[in-house]
Structures are given as C-alpha cells and as structure tokens.
C-alpha cells in the first residue's frame, strides 16, 4: 500500500496533476483520458472549493505504476 502523499507526489512528478494556488488539478491530457474528475461547489459558509477525484481508470493506472 502506498501512502496518499507519496501517490500524489508521484502523480505530480509524472505530469498527471499540478498545483494551482495549493489545489491539485489534472492536466488536460489526464482529464480527457477520464483518469480524474474535478468537482467544484460552494460550501455552506459561502466558500468556493475545487476537489479533484480519481476515477476507477485512474486507480487502475496508479496501481500499475506503483
């Protein structure tokens, strides 16, 4: 089992994700391959948020690369 932080760092190094103002976002190539989805919304206190989620294809990729 790979720790979450190590997995995120690996995905950043391999150019699947990048950080913009501290938020992890997928590169367009990874997004169009359906490896990640990006959820945006507004929290109950009115703050906007962005959340990057790994799809089942992305999980398969991370398992194969580990």
N, C-alpha and C. Protein backbone atom coordinates (compact mmCIF):
# COMPACT_ATOMS: atom_id res chain seq x y z
N UNK A 1 0.85 -1.18 0.00
CA UNK A 1 0.00 0.00 0.00
C UNK A 1 0.89 1.24 0.00
N UNK A 2 0.60 2.17 -0.88
CA UNK A 2 1.39 3.40 -0.99
C UNK A 2 0.68 4.52 -0.22
N UNK A 3 1.41 5.28 0.58
CA UNK A 3 0.79 6.39 1.31
C UNK A 3 0.23 7.44 0.35
N UNK A 4 -0.83 8.12 0.78
CA UNK A 4 -1.51 9.10 -0.06
C UNK A 4 -0.56 10.19 -0.55
N UNK A 5 0.23 10.73 0.34
CA UNK A 5 1.14 11.82 -0.03
C UNK A 5 2.16 11.37 -1.08
N UNK A 6 2.67 10.15 -0.92
CA UNK A 6 3.63 9.62 -1.90
C UNK A 6 2.96 9.43 -3.26
N UNK A 7 1.71 8.97 -3.25
CA UNK A 7 0.99 8.79 -4.51
C UNK A 7 0.75 10.13 -5.19
N UNK A 8 0.34 11.13 -4.43
CA UNK A 8 0.11 12.46 -5.01
C UNK A 8 1.40 13.02 -5.57
N UNK A 9 2.49 12.91 -4.82
CA UNK A 9 3.78 13.40 -5.31
C UNK A 9 4.19 12.70 -6.60
N UNK A 10 3.94 11.42 -6.68
CA UNK A 10 4.27 10.64 -7.89
C UNK A 10 3.44 11.12 -9.08
N UNK A 11 2.14 11.37 -8.86
CA UNK A 11 1.27 11.84 -9.94
C UNK A 11 1.66 13.24 -10.40
N UNK A 12 2.16 14.06 -9.49
CA UNK A 12 2.66 15.39 -9.86
C UNK A 12 3.95 15.26 -10.67
N UNK A 13 4.86 14.41 -10.21
CA UNK A 13 6.13 14.20 -10.92
C UNK A 13 5.90 13.64 -12.33
N UNK A 14 4.91 12.76 -12.46
CA UNK A 14 4.63 12.12 -13.75
C UNK A 14 3.71 12.95 -14.64
N UNK A 15 3.45 14.19 -14.23
CA UNK A 15 2.67 15.15 -15.03
C UNK A 15 1.22 14.72 -15.27
N UNK A 16 0.62 14.09 -14.26
CA UNK A 16 -0.82 13.83 -14.31
C UNK A 16 -1.58 14.93 -13.57
N UNK A 17 -0.97 15.46 -12.50
CA UNK A 17 -1.57 16.52 -11.70
C UNK A 17 -0.61 17.68 -11.55
N UNK A 18 -1.17 18.86 -11.28
CA UNK A 18 -0.35 20.03 -10.95
C UNK A 18 -1.07 20.82 -9.87
N UNK A 19 -0.33 21.67 -9.19
CA UNK A 19 -0.92 22.50 -8.14
C UNK A 19 -1.10 23.92 -8.65
N UNK A 20 -2.30 24.47 -8.39
CA UNK A 20 -2.58 25.86 -8.71
C UNK A 20 -3.19 26.47 -7.46
N UNK A 21 -2.45 27.38 -6.85
CA UNK A 21 -2.87 28.00 -5.58
C UNK A 21 -3.15 26.94 -4.52
N UNK A 22 -2.34 25.90 -4.50
CA UNK A 22 -2.48 24.85 -3.49
C UNK A 22 -3.48 23.77 -3.83
N UNK A 23 -4.26 23.94 -4.89
CA UNK A 23 -5.28 22.97 -5.29
C UNK A 23 -4.70 22.05 -6.35
N UNK A 24 -4.89 20.74 -6.17
CA UNK A 24 -4.44 19.77 -7.17
C UNK A 24 -5.43 19.72 -8.32
N UNK A 25 -4.93 19.88 -9.54
CA UNK A 25 -5.77 19.82 -10.74
C UNK A 25 -5.11 18.89 -11.74
N UNK A 26 -5.90 18.16 -12.52
CA UNK A 26 -5.32 17.28 -13.54
C UNK A 26 -4.94 18.07 -14.79
N UNK A 27 -3.87 17.64 -15.44
CA UNK A 27 -3.56 18.18 -16.76
C UNK A 27 -4.67 17.75 -17.71
N UNK A 28 -4.88 18.52 -18.77
CA UNK A 28 -5.96 18.24 -19.71
C UNK A 28 -5.86 16.83 -20.30
N UNK A 29 -4.64 16.39 -20.59
CA UNK A 29 -4.48 15.05 -21.17
C UNK A 29 -4.98 13.96 -20.22
N UNK A 30 -4.73 14.11 -18.93
CA UNK A 30 -5.21 13.13 -17.96
C UNK A 30 -6.72 13.24 -17.77
N UNK A 31 -7.23 14.45 -17.85
CA UNK A 31 -8.67 14.66 -17.68
C UNK A 31 -9.45 14.07 -18.85
N UNK A 32 -8.95 14.24 -20.07
CA UNK A 32 -9.66 13.70 -21.24
C UNK A 32 -9.57 12.18 -21.32
N UNK A 33 -8.58 11.59 -20.65
CA UNK A 33 -8.49 10.13 -20.59
C UNK A 33 -9.38 9.57 -19.48
N UNK A 34 -10.16 10.43 -18.83
CA UNK A 34 -11.07 10.05 -17.74
C UNK A 34 -10.34 9.42 -16.56
N UNK A 35 -9.14 9.91 -16.27
CA UNK A 35 -8.41 9.43 -15.10
C UNK A 35 -8.82 10.19 -13.85
N UNK A 36 -9.30 11.42 -14.03
CA UNK A 36 -9.71 12.28 -12.92
C UNK A 36 -10.98 13.03 -13.27
N UNK A 37 -11.73 13.41 -12.23
CA UNK A 37 -12.84 14.34 -12.40
C UNK A 37 -12.59 15.49 -11.45
N UNK A 38 -13.13 16.64 -11.77
CA UNK A 38 -12.97 17.82 -10.92
C UNK A 38 -14.35 18.28 -10.49
N UNK A 39 -14.55 18.34 -9.19
CA UNK A 39 -15.83 18.77 -8.63
C UNK A 39 -15.63 20.17 -8.04
N UNK A 40 -16.51 21.09 -8.40
CA UNK A 40 -16.48 22.43 -7.83
C UNK A 40 -17.82 22.68 -7.16
N UNK A 41 -17.80 23.53 -6.16
CA UNK A 41 -19.04 23.83 -5.46
C UNK A 41 -18.85 24.94 -4.46
N UNK A 42 -19.89 25.17 -3.69
CA UNK A 42 -19.87 26.19 -2.66
C UNK A 42 -20.20 25.53 -1.33
N UNK A 43 -19.35 25.75 -0.34
CA UNK A 43 -19.58 25.20 0.99
C UNK A 43 -20.69 25.97 1.67
N UNK A 44 -21.18 25.46 2.79
CA UNK A 44 -22.31 26.08 3.47
C UNK A 44 -22.02 27.49 3.96
N UNK A 45 -20.76 27.83 4.14
CA UNK A 45 -20.41 29.18 4.59
C UNK A 45 -20.12 30.12 3.43
N UNK A 46 -20.38 29.67 2.21
CA UNK A 46 -20.22 30.53 1.04
C UNK A 46 -18.86 30.46 0.38
N UNK A 47 -17.96 29.62 0.87
CA UNK A 47 -16.64 29.49 0.27
C UNK A 47 -16.71 28.54 -0.92
N UNK A 48 -16.05 28.91 -2.00
CA UNK A 48 -15.97 28.03 -3.17
C UNK A 48 -14.85 27.02 -2.97
N UNK A 49 -15.04 25.83 -3.51
CA UNK A 49 -14.00 24.81 -3.41
C UNK A 49 -13.89 24.04 -4.71
N UNK A 50 -12.73 23.44 -4.90
CA UNK A 50 -12.46 22.57 -6.03
C UNK A 50 -11.86 21.28 -5.48
N UNK A 51 -12.37 20.16 -5.95
CA UNK A 51 -11.89 18.87 -5.46
C UNK A 51 -11.61 17.96 -6.66
N UNK A 52 -10.40 17.45 -6.73
CA UNK A 52 -10.03 16.52 -7.79
C UNK A 52 -10.22 15.11 -7.27
N UNK A 53 -10.94 14.31 -8.05
CA UNK A 53 -11.21 12.93 -7.65
C UNK A 53 -10.62 11.98 -8.69
N UNK A 54 -10.15 10.85 -8.20
CA UNK A 54 -9.57 9.83 -9.08
C UNK A 54 -10.69 8.89 -9.50
N UNK A 55 -10.78 8.61 -10.79
CA UNK A 55 -11.78 7.67 -11.30
C UNK A 55 -11.26 6.25 -11.20
N UNK A 56 -12.08 5.28 -11.54
CA UNK A 56 -11.64 3.89 -11.50
C UNK A 56 -10.49 3.65 -12.48
N UNK A 57 -10.51 4.33 -13.63
CA UNK A 57 -9.39 4.23 -14.57
C UNK A 57 -8.11 4.78 -13.93
N UNK A 58 -8.24 5.88 -13.21
CA UNK A 58 -7.09 6.47 -12.54
C UNK A 58 -6.53 5.58 -11.45
N UNK A 59 -7.42 4.88 -10.75
CA UNK A 59 -6.97 3.95 -9.71
C UNK A 59 -6.20 2.80 -10.35
N UNK A 60 -6.72 2.28 -11.46
CA UNK A 60 -6.01 1.21 -12.17
C UNK A 60 -4.62 1.66 -12.59
N UNK A 61 -4.52 2.88 -13.12
CA UNK A 61 -3.24 3.42 -13.54
C UNK A 61 -2.28 3.53 -12.36
N UNK A 62 -2.76 4.04 -11.23
CA UNK A 62 -1.88 4.22 -10.07
C UNK A 62 -1.41 2.88 -9.52
N UNK A 63 -2.26 1.86 -9.59
CA UNK A 63 -1.86 0.53 -9.12
C UNK A 63 -0.79 -0.04 -10.04
N UNK A 64 -0.95 0.15 -11.34
CA UNK A 64 0.02 -0.38 -12.29
C UNK A 64 1.36 0.34 -12.19
N UNK A 65 1.35 1.63 -11.84
CA UNK A 65 2.58 2.41 -11.79
C UNK A 65 3.30 2.26 -10.45
N UNK A 66 2.64 1.75 -9.44
CA UNK A 66 3.25 1.64 -8.10
C UNK A 66 4.30 0.56 -8.04
